[in-house]
Amino acid sequence: VFVEKAIKLEPKLIEKQVKPINIVSINKSGKVE
């Protein structure tokens, strides 16, 4: 009964398209340029 209630409450996920904003280099210390 409880699991069935939970299933009915499952959300429809919101989707958004995201694209990269830059081409970068990352050095060994983790610095982004």
PDB file of all heavy atoms in Angstrom:
ATOM      1  N   VAL A   1       0.843  -1.207   0.000  1.00  0.00           N
ATOM      2  CA  VAL A   1       0.000   0.000   0.000  1.00  0.00           C
ATOM      3  C   VAL A   1       0.870   1.245   0.000  1.00  0.00           C
ATOM      4  O   VAL A   1       0.647   2.196  -0.766  1.00  0.00           O
ATOM      5  CB  VAL A   1      -0.946  -0.001   1.217  1.00  0.00           C
ATOM      6  CG1 VAL A   1      -1.696   1.329   1.308  1.00  0.00           C
ATOM      7  CG2 VAL A   1      -1.933  -1.157   1.123  1.00  0.00           C
ATOM      8  N   PHE A   2       1.883   1.259   0.868  1.00  0.00           N
ATOM      9  CA  PHE A   2       2.766   2.417   0.945  1.00  0.00           C
ATOM     10  C   PHE A   2       3.592   2.580  -0.339  1.00  0.00           C
ATOM     11  O   PHE A   2       3.778   3.686  -0.837  1.00  0.00           O
ATOM     12  CB  PHE A   2       3.694   2.299   2.152  1.00  0.00           C
ATOM     13  CG  PHE A   2       3.024   2.568   3.473  1.00  0.00           C
ATOM     14  CD1 PHE A   2       3.698   2.300   4.659  1.00  0.00           C
ATOM     15  CD2 PHE A   2       1.748   3.087   3.544  1.00  0.00           C
ATOM     16  CE1 PHE A   2       3.099   2.554   5.889  1.00  0.00           C
ATOM     17  CE2 PHE A   2       1.126   3.340   4.767  1.00  0.00           C
ATOM     18  CZ  PHE A   2       1.815   3.076   5.941  1.00  0.00           C
ATOM     19  N   VAL A   3       4.094   1.478  -0.856  1.00  0.00           N
ATOM     20  CA  VAL A   3       4.903   1.562  -2.076  1.00  0.00           C
ATOM     21  C   VAL A   3       4.055   2.048  -3.244  1.00  0.00           C
ATOM     22  O   VAL A   3       4.518   2.850  -4.074  1.00  0.00           O
ATOM     23  CB  VAL A   3       5.559   0.203  -2.386  1.00  0.00           C
ATOM     24  CG1 VAL A   3       6.240   0.242  -3.743  1.00  0.00           C
ATOM     25  CG2 VAL A   3       6.566  -0.167  -1.302  1.00  0.00           C
ATOM     26  N   GLU A   4       2.819   1.605  -3.318  1.00  0.00           N
ATOM     27  CA  GLU A   4       1.923   2.050  -4.382  1.00  0.00           C
ATOM     28  C   GLU A   4       1.667   3.559  -4.283  1.00  0.00           C
ATOM     29  O   GLU A   4       1.632   4.267  -5.299  1.00  0.00           O
ATOM     30  CB  GLU A   4       0.600   1.294  -4.313  1.00  0.00           C
ATOM     31  CG  GLU A   4      -0.352   1.581  -5.463  1.00  0.00           C
ATOM     32  CD  GLU A   4       0.222   1.207  -6.828  1.00  0.00           C
ATOM     33  OE1 GLU A   4       0.979   0.220  -6.917  1.00  0.00           O
ATOM     34  OE2 GLU A   4      -0.093   1.927  -7.804  1.00  0.00           O
ATOM     35  N   LYS A   5       1.517   4.058  -3.069  1.00  0.00           N
ATOM     36  CA  LYS A   5       1.356   5.507  -2.885  1.00  0.00           C
ATOM     37  C   LYS A   5       2.599   6.248  -3.382  1.00  0.00           C
ATOM     38  O   LYS A   5       2.506   7.306  -4.017  1.00  0.00           O
ATOM     39  CB  LYS A   5       1.096   5.836  -1.410  1.00  0.00           C
ATOM     40  CG  LYS A   5      -0.291   5.483  -0.912  1.00  0.00           C
ATOM     41  CD  LYS A   5      -0.429   5.806   0.570  1.00  0.00           C
ATOM     42  CE  LYS A   5      -1.824   5.466   1.093  1.00  0.00           C
ATOM     43  NZ  LYS A   5      -2.843   6.437   0.642  1.00  0.00           N
ATOM     44  N   ALA A   6       3.763   5.692  -3.072  1.00  0.00           N
ATOM     45  CA  ALA A   6       5.017   6.320  -3.503  1.00  0.00           C
ATOM     46  C   ALA A   6       5.139   6.327  -5.023  1.00  0.00           C
ATOM     47  O   ALA A   6       5.594   7.319  -5.618  1.00  0.00           O
ATOM     48  CB  ALA A   6       6.201   5.592  -2.877  1.00  0.00           C
ATOM     49  N   ILE A   7       4.753   5.235  -5.656  1.00  0.00           N
ATOM     50  CA  ILE A   7       4.829   5.148  -7.117  1.00  0.00           C
ATOM     51  C   ILE A   7       3.958   6.227  -7.760  1.00  0.00           C
ATOM     52  O   ILE A   7       4.358   6.869  -8.740  1.00  0.00           O
ATOM     53  CB  ILE A   7       4.411   3.745  -7.591  1.00  0.00           C
ATOM     54  CG1 ILE A   7       5.479   2.714  -7.184  1.00  0.00           C
ATOM     55  CG2 ILE A   7       4.181   3.719  -9.094  1.00  0.00           C
ATOM     56  CD1 ILE A   7       5.076   1.281  -7.421  1.00  0.00           C
ATOM     57  N   LYS A   8       2.782   6.457  -7.213  1.00  0.00           N
ATOM     58  CA  LYS A   8       1.884   7.468  -7.764  1.00  0.00           C
ATOM     59  C   LYS A   8       2.438   8.882  -7.599  1.00  0.00           C
ATOM     60  O   LYS A   8       2.029   9.802  -8.324  1.00  0.00           O
ATOM     61  CB  LYS A   8       0.506   7.362  -7.101  1.00  0.00           C
ATOM     62  CG  LYS A   8      -0.258   6.106  -7.487  1.00  0.00           C
ATOM     63  CD  LYS A   8      -1.599   6.016  -6.775  1.00  0.00           C
ATOM     64  CE  LYS A   8      -2.357   4.760  -7.192  1.00  0.00           C
ATOM     65  NZ  LYS A   8      -3.654   4.626  -6.470  1.00  0.00           N
ATOM     66  N   LEU A   9       3.352   9.055  -6.671  1.00  0.00           N
ATOM     67  CA  LEU A   9       3.932  10.374  -6.411  1.00  0.00           C
ATOM     68  C   LEU A   9       5.230  10.610  -7.191  1.00  0.00           C
ATOM     69  O   LEU A   9       5.867  11.647  -7.025  1.00  0.00           O
ATOM     70  CB  LEU A   9       4.205  10.544  -4.905  1.00  0.00           C
ATOM     71  CG  LEU A   9       2.971  10.661  -4.015  1.00  0.00           C
ATOM     72  CD1 LEU A   9       3.357  10.495  -2.548  1.00  0.00           C
ATOM     73  CD2 LEU A   9       2.289  12.015  -4.230  1.00  0.00           C
ATOM     74  N   GLU A  10       5.617   9.660  -8.035  1.00  0.00           N
ATOM     75  CA  GLU A  10       6.861   9.841  -8.784  1.00  0.00           C
ATOM     76  C   GLU A  10       6.744  11.054  -9.703  1.00  0.00           C
ATOM     77  O   GLU A  10       5.784  11.180 -10.470  1.00  0.00           O
ATOM     78  CB  GLU A  10       7.184   8.603  -9.614  1.00  0.00           C
ATOM     79  CG  GLU A  10       8.493   8.727 -10.373  1.00  0.00           C
ATOM     80  CD  GLU A  10       8.937   7.441 -11.041  1.00  0.00           C
ATOM     81  OE1 GLU A  10       8.245   6.414 -10.878  1.00  0.00           O
ATOM     82  OE2 GLU A  10       9.972   7.464 -11.729  1.00  0.00           O
ATOM     83  N   PRO A  11       7.714  11.958  -9.667  1.00  0.00           N
ATOM     84  CA  PRO A  11       7.593  13.194 -10.453  1.00  0.00           C
ATOM     85  C   PRO A  11       7.951  12.992 -11.919  1.00  0.00           C
ATOM     86  O   PRO A  11       8.713  12.084 -12.273  1.00  0.00           O
ATOM     87  CB  PRO A  11       8.617  14.116  -9.781  1.00  0.00           C
ATOM     88  CG  PRO A  11       9.674  13.184  -9.274  1.00  0.00           C
ATOM     89  CD  PRO A  11       8.929  11.945  -8.831  1.00  0.00           C
ATOM     90  N   LYS A  12       7.420  13.841 -12.760  1.00  0.00           N
ATOM     91  CA  LYS A  12       7.869  13.925 -14.152  1.00  0.00           C
ATOM     92  C   LYS A  12       9.022  14.925 -14.158  1.00  0.00           C
ATOM     93  O   LYS A  12       8.849  16.097 -13.813  1.00  0.00           O
ATOM     94  CB  LYS A  12       6.741  14.393 -15.060  1.00  0.00           C
ATOM     95  CG  LYS A  12       7.166  14.543 -16.525  1.00  0.00           C
ATOM     96  CD  LYS A  12       5.992  14.907 -17.410  1.00  0.00           C
ATOM     97  CE  LYS A  12       6.415  15.234 -18.838  1.00  0.00           C
ATOM     98  NZ  LYS A  12       7.276  14.230 -19.452  1.00  0.00           N
ATOM     99  N   LEU A  13      10.190  14.465 -14.528  1.00  0.00           N
ATOM    100  CA  LEU A  13      11.370  15.306 -14.436  1.00  0.00           C
ATOM    101  C   LEU A  13      11.325  16.437 -15.451  1.00  0.00           C
ATOM    102  O   LEU A  13      10.862  16.266 -16.585  1.00  0.00           O
ATOM    103  CB  LEU A  13      12.638  14.481 -14.628  1.00  0.00           C
ATOM    104  CG  LEU A  13      12.902  13.395 -13.575  1.00  0.00           C
ATOM    105  CD1 LEU A  13      14.238  12.709 -13.854  1.00  0.00           C
ATOM    106  CD2 LEU A  13      12.874  13.961 -12.161  1.00  0.00           C
ATOM    107  N   ILE A  14      11.808  17.588 -15.036  1.00  0.00           N
ATOM    108  CA  ILE A  14      11.936  18.754 -15.911  1.00  0.00           C
ATOM    109  C   ILE A  14      13.231  18.612 -16.715  1.00  0.00           C
ATOM    110  O   ILE A  14      14.290  18.313 -16.152  1.00  0.00           O
ATOM    111  CB  ILE A  14      11.967  20.051 -15.077  1.00  0.00           C
ATOM    112  CG1 ILE A  14      10.648  20.203 -14.304  1.00  0.00           C
ATOM    113  CG2 ILE A  14      12.225  21.266 -15.966  1.00  0.00           C
ATOM    114  CD1 ILE A  14      10.698  21.276 -13.234  1.00  0.00           C
ATOM    115  N   GLU A  15      13.150  18.794 -18.021  1.00  0.00           N
ATOM    116  CA  GLU A  15      14.315  18.655 -18.884  1.00  0.00           C
ATOM    117  C   GLU A  15      14.684  20.003 -19.498  1.00  0.00           C
ATOM    118  O   GLU A  15      13.811  20.764 -19.910  1.00  0.00           O
ATOM    119  CB  GLU A  15      14.036  17.648 -20.002  1.00  0.00           C
ATOM    120  CG  GLU A  15      13.734  16.246 -19.495  1.00  0.00           C
ATOM    121  CD  GLU A  15      13.564  15.247 -20.630  1.00  0.00           C
ATOM    122  OE1 GLU A  15      13.697  15.676 -21.810  1.00  0.00           O
ATOM    123  OE2 GLU A  15      13.296  14.074 -20.362  1.00  0.00           O
ATOM    124  N   LYS A  16      15.992  20.264 -19.550  1.00  0.00           N
ATOM    125  CA  LYS A  16      16.492  21.481 -20.174  1.00  0.00           C
ATOM    126  C   LYS A  16      17.727  21.141 -20.996  1.00  0.00           C
ATOM    127  O   LYS A  16      18.583  20.378 -20.545  1.00  0.00           O
ATOM    128  CB  LYS A  16      16.841  22.537 -19.126  1.00  0.00           C
ATOM    129  CG  LYS A  16      15.633  23.068 -18.363  1.00  0.00           C
ATOM    130  CD  LYS A  16      15.987  24.262 -17.492  1.00  0.00           C
ATOM    131  CE  LYS A  16      14.741  24.831 -16.831  1.00  0.00           C
ATOM    132  NZ  LYS A  16      15.051  26.038 -16.022  1.00  0.00           N
ATOM    133  N   GLN A  17      17.813  21.711 -22.168  1.00  0.00           N
ATOM    134  CA  GLN A  17      18.994  21.496 -23.007  1.00  0.00           C
ATOM    135  C   GLN A  17      20.093  22.466 -22.605  1.00  0.00           C
ATOM    136  O   GLN A  17      19.872  23.678 -22.534  1.00  0.00           O
ATOM    137  CB  GLN A  17      18.654  21.687 -24.487  1.00  0.00           C
ATOM    138  CG  GLN A  17      18.025  20.477 -25.125  1.00  0.00           C
ATOM    139  CD  GLN A  17      18.271  20.415 -26.631  1.00  0.00           C
ATOM    140  OE1 GLN A  17      18.735  21.364 -27.244  1.00  0.00           O
ATOM    141  NE2 GLN A  17      17.959  19.270 -27.214  1.00  0.00           N
ATOM    142  N   VAL A  18      21.275  21.922 -22.347  1.00  0.00           N
ATOM    143  CA  VAL A  18      22.420  22.733 -21.948  1.00  0.00           C
ATOM    144  C   VAL A  18      23.586  22.395 -22.870  1.00  0.00           C
ATOM    145  O   VAL A  18      23.860  21.215 -23.129  1.00  0.00           O
ATOM    146  CB  VAL A  18      22.815  22.458 -20.477  1.00  0.00           C
ATOM    147  CG1 VAL A  18      23.983  23.350 -20.070  1.00  0.00           C
ATOM    148  CG2 VAL A  18      21.625  22.665 -19.549  1.00  0.00           C
ATOM    149  N   LYS A  19      24.273  23.430 -23.340  1.00  0.00           N
ATOM    150  CA  LYS A  19      25.420  23.229 -24.217  1.00  0.00           C
ATOM    151  C   LYS A  19      26.681  23.796 -23.570  1.00  0.00           C
ATOM    152  O   LYS A  19      26.595  24.679 -22.715  1.00  0.00           O
ATOM    153  CB  LYS A  19      25.176  23.901 -25.576  1.00  0.00           C
ATOM    154  CG  LYS A  19      24.012  23.289 -26.354  1.00  0.00           C
ATOM    155  CD  LYS A  19      23.876  23.916 -27.734  1.00  0.00           C
ATOM    156  CE  LYS A  19      22.750  23.249 -28.527  1.00  0.00           C
ATOM    157  NZ  LYS A  19      22.635  23.800 -29.908  1.00  0.00           N
ATOM    158  N   PRO A  20      27.840  23.308 -23.973  1.00  0.00           N
ATOM    159  CA  PRO A  20      29.082  23.843 -23.411  1.00  0.00           C
ATOM    160  C   PRO A  20      29.255  25.309 -23.770  1.00  0.00           C
ATOM    161  O   PRO A  20      28.781  25.773 -24.810  1.00  0.00           O
ATOM    162  CB  PRO A  20      30.166  22.967 -24.044  1.00  0.00           C
ATOM    163  CG  PRO A  20      29.548  22.401 -25.282  1.00  0.00           C
ATOM    164  CD  PRO A  20      28.099  22.250 -24.973  1.00  0.00           C
ATOM    165  N   ILE A  21      29.974  26.029 -22.901  1.00  0.00           N
ATOM    166  CA  ILE A  21      30.156  27.463 -23.125  1.00  0.00           C
ATOM    167  C   ILE A  21      31.588  27.809 -23.529  1.00  0.00           C
ATOM    168  O   ILE A  21      31.841  28.908 -24.015  1.00  0.00           O
ATOM    169  CB  ILE A  21      29.775  28.286 -21.873  1.00  0.00           C
ATOM    170  CG1 ILE A  21      30.694  27.929 -20.692  1.00  0.00           C
ATOM    171  CG2 ILE A  21      28.316  28.075 -21.510  1.00  0.00           C
ATOM    172  CD1 ILE A  21      30.567  28.879 -19.518  1.00  0.00           C
ATOM    173  N   ASN A  22      32.532  26.880 -23.312  1.00  0.00           N
ATOM    174  CA  ASN A  22      33.927  27.168 -23.601  1.00  0.00           C
ATOM    175  C   ASN A  22      34.699  25.902 -23.907  1.00  0.00           C
ATOM    176  O   ASN A  22      34.312  24.797 -23.478  1.00  0.00           O
ATOM    177  CB  ASN A  22      34.599  27.866 -22.416  1.00  0.00           C
ATOM    178  CG  ASN A  22      34.599  29.381 -22.545  1.00  0.00           C
ATOM    179  OD1 ASN A  22      34.825  29.898 -23.638  1.00  0.00           O
ATOM    180  ND2 ASN A  22      34.337  30.063 -21.448  1.00  0.00           N
ATOM    181  N   ILE A  23      35.797  26.070 -24.626  1.00  0.00           N
ATOM    182  CA  ILE A  23      36.804  25.018 -24.778  1.00  0.00           C
ATOM    183  C   ILE A  23      37.969  25.428 -23.875  1.00  0.00           C
ATOM    184  O   ILE A  23      38.446  26.571 -23.956  1.00  0.00           O
ATOM    185  CB  ILE A  23      37.268  24.882 -26.229  1.00  0.00           C
ATOM    186  CG1 ILE A  23      36.064  24.586 -27.131  1.00  0.00           C
ATOM    187  CG2 ILE A  23      38.315  23.780 -26.366  1.00  0.00           C
ATOM    188  CD1 ILE A  23      36.375  24.708 -28.615  1.00  0.00           C
ATOM    189  N   VAL A  24      38.402  24.528 -22.988  1.00  0.00           N
ATOM    190  CA  VAL A  24      39.381  24.904 -21.970  1.00  0.00           C
ATOM    191  C   VAL A  24      40.534  23.912 -21.937  1.00  0.00           C
ATOM    192  O   VAL A  24      40.481  22.826 -22.533  1.00  0.00           O
ATOM    193  CB  VAL A  24      38.724  24.979 -20.573  1.00  0.00           C
ATOM    194  CG1 VAL A  24      37.635  26.038 -20.546  1.00  0.00           C
ATOM    195  CG2 VAL A  24      38.157  23.615 -20.148  1.00  0.00           C
ATOM    196  N   SER A  25      41.572  24.297 -21.202  1.00  0.00           N
ATOM    197  CA  SER A  25      42.678  23.407 -20.869  1.00  0.00           C
ATOM    198  C   SER A  25      42.721  23.262 -19.352  1.00  0.00           C
ATOM    199  O   SER A  25      42.438  24.213 -18.620  1.00  0.00           O
ATOM    200  CB  SER A  25      44.008  23.975 -21.376  1.00  0.00           C
ATOM    201  OG  SER A  25      44.020  24.086 -22.777  1.00  0.00           O
ATOM    202  N   ILE A  26      43.063  22.067 -18.883  1.00  0.00           N
ATOM    203  CA  ILE A  26      43.187  21.814 -17.449  1.00  0.00           C
ATOM    204  C   ILE A  26      44.568  21.230 -17.205  1.00  0.00           C
ATOM    205  O   ILE A  26      44.917  20.190 -17.776  1.00  0.00           O
ATOM    206  CB  ILE A  26      42.092  20.844 -16.949  1.00  0.00           C
ATOM    207  CG1 ILE A  26      40.700  21.410 -17.258  1.00  0.00           C
ATOM    208  CG2 ILE A  26      42.243  20.591 -15.453  1.00  0.00           C
ATOM    209  CD1 ILE A  26      39.560  20.461 -16.917  1.00  0.00           C
ATOM    210  N   ASN A  27      45.354  21.908 -16.360  1.00  0.00           N
ATOM    211  CA  ASN A  27      46.701  21.389 -16.101  1.00  0.00           C
ATOM    212  C   ASN A  27      46.666  20.362 -14.971  1.00  0.00           C
ATOM    213  O   ASN A  27      45.617  20.107 -14.364  1.00  0.00           O
ATOM    214  CB  ASN A  27      47.687  22.519 -15.806  1.00  0.00           C
ATOM    215  CG  ASN A  27      47.347  23.298 -14.539  1.00  0.00           C
ATOM    216  OD1 ASN A  27      46.683  22.780 -13.626  1.00  0.00           O
ATOM    217  ND2 ASN A  27      47.812  24.535 -14.468  1.00  0.00           N
ATOM    218  N   LYS A  28      47.819  19.797 -14.655  1.00  0.00           N
ATOM    219  CA  LYS A  28      47.895  18.706 -13.678  1.00  0.00           C
ATOM    220  C   LYS A  28      47.427  19.120 -12.288  1.00  0.00           C
ATOM    221  O   LYS A  28      46.945  18.299 -11.510  1.00  0.00           O
ATOM    222  CB  LYS A  28      49.326  18.172 -13.605  1.00  0.00           C
ATOM    223  CG  LYS A  28      49.756  17.349 -14.823  1.00  0.00           C
ATOM    224  CD  LYS A  28      48.964  16.054 -14.905  1.00  0.00           C
ATOM    225  CE  LYS A  28      49.439  15.178 -16.054  1.00  0.00           C
ATOM    226  NZ  LYS A  28      48.635  13.935 -16.165  1.00  0.00           N
ATOM    227  N   SER A  29      47.578  20.383 -11.956  1.00  0.00           N
ATOM    228  CA  SER A  29      47.138  20.855 -10.640  1.00  0.00           C
ATOM    229  C   SER A  29      45.652  21.156 -10.597  1.00  0.00           C
ATOM    230  O   SER A  29      45.112  21.516  -9.554  1.00  0.00           O
ATOM    231  CB  SER A  29      47.927  22.111 -10.249  1.00  0.00           C
ATOM    232  OG  SER A  29      47.627  23.185 -11.137  1.00  0.00           O
ATOM    233  N   GLY A  30      44.963  21.008 -11.741  1.00  0.00           N
ATOM    234  CA  GLY A  30      43.525  21.235 -11.793  1.00  0.00           C
ATOM    235  C   GLY A  30      43.131  22.651 -12.165  1.00  0.00           C
ATOM    236  O   GLY A  30      41.954  22.997 -12.133  1.00  0.00           O
ATOM    237  N   LYS A  31      44.101  23.482 -12.550  1.00  0.00           N
ATOM    238  CA  LYS A  31      43.781  24.854 -12.940  1.00  0.00           C
ATOM    239  C   LYS A  31      43.164  24.861 -14.339  1.00  0.00           C
ATOM    240  O   LYS A  31      43.673  24.231 -15.264  1.00  0.00           O
ATOM    241  CB  LYS A  31      45.031  25.722 -12.917  1.00  0.00           C
ATOM    242  CG  LYS A  31      44.752  27.190 -13.223  1.00  0.00           C
ATOM    243  CD  LYS A  31      46.017  28.034 -13.152  1.00  0.00           C
ATOM    244  CE  LYS A  31      45.714  29.492 -13.474  1.00  0.00           C
ATOM    245  NZ  LYS A  31      46.950  30.325 -13.430  1.00  0.00           N
ATOM    246  N   VAL A  32      42.067  25.604 -14.477  1.00  0.00           N
ATOM    247  CA  VAL A  32      41.346  25.691 -15.745  1.00  0.00           C
ATOM    248  C   VAL A  32      41.710  26.994 -16.445  1.00  0.00           C
ATOM    249  O   VAL A  32      41.643  28.077 -15.847  1.00  0.00           O
ATOM    250  CB  VAL A  32      39.824  25.625 -15.524  1.00  0.00           C
ATOM    251  CG1 VAL A  32      39.079  25.709 -16.855  1.00  0.00           C
ATOM    252  CG2 VAL A  32      39.452  24.346 -14.782  1.00  0.00           C
ATOM    253  N   GLU A  33      42.084  26.893 -17.706  1.00  0.00           N
ATOM    254  CA  GLU A  33      42.411  28.078 -18.496  1.00  0.00           C
ATOM    255  C   GLU A  33      41.659  28.023 -19.822  1.00  0.00           C
ATOM    256  O   GLU A  33      41.488  26.938 -20.397  1.00  0.00           O
ATOM    257  CB  GLU A  33      43.917  28.153 -18.760  1.00  0.00           C
ATOM    258  CG  GLU A  33      44.732  28.343 -17.485  1.00  0.00           C
ATOM    259  CD  GLU A  33      46.217  28.422 -17.762  1.00  0.00           C
ATOM    260  OE1 GLU A  33      46.629  28.004 -18.875  1.00  0.00           O
ATOM    261  OE2 GLU A  33      46.965  28.876 -16.882  1.00  0.00           O
TER     262      GLU A  33
END
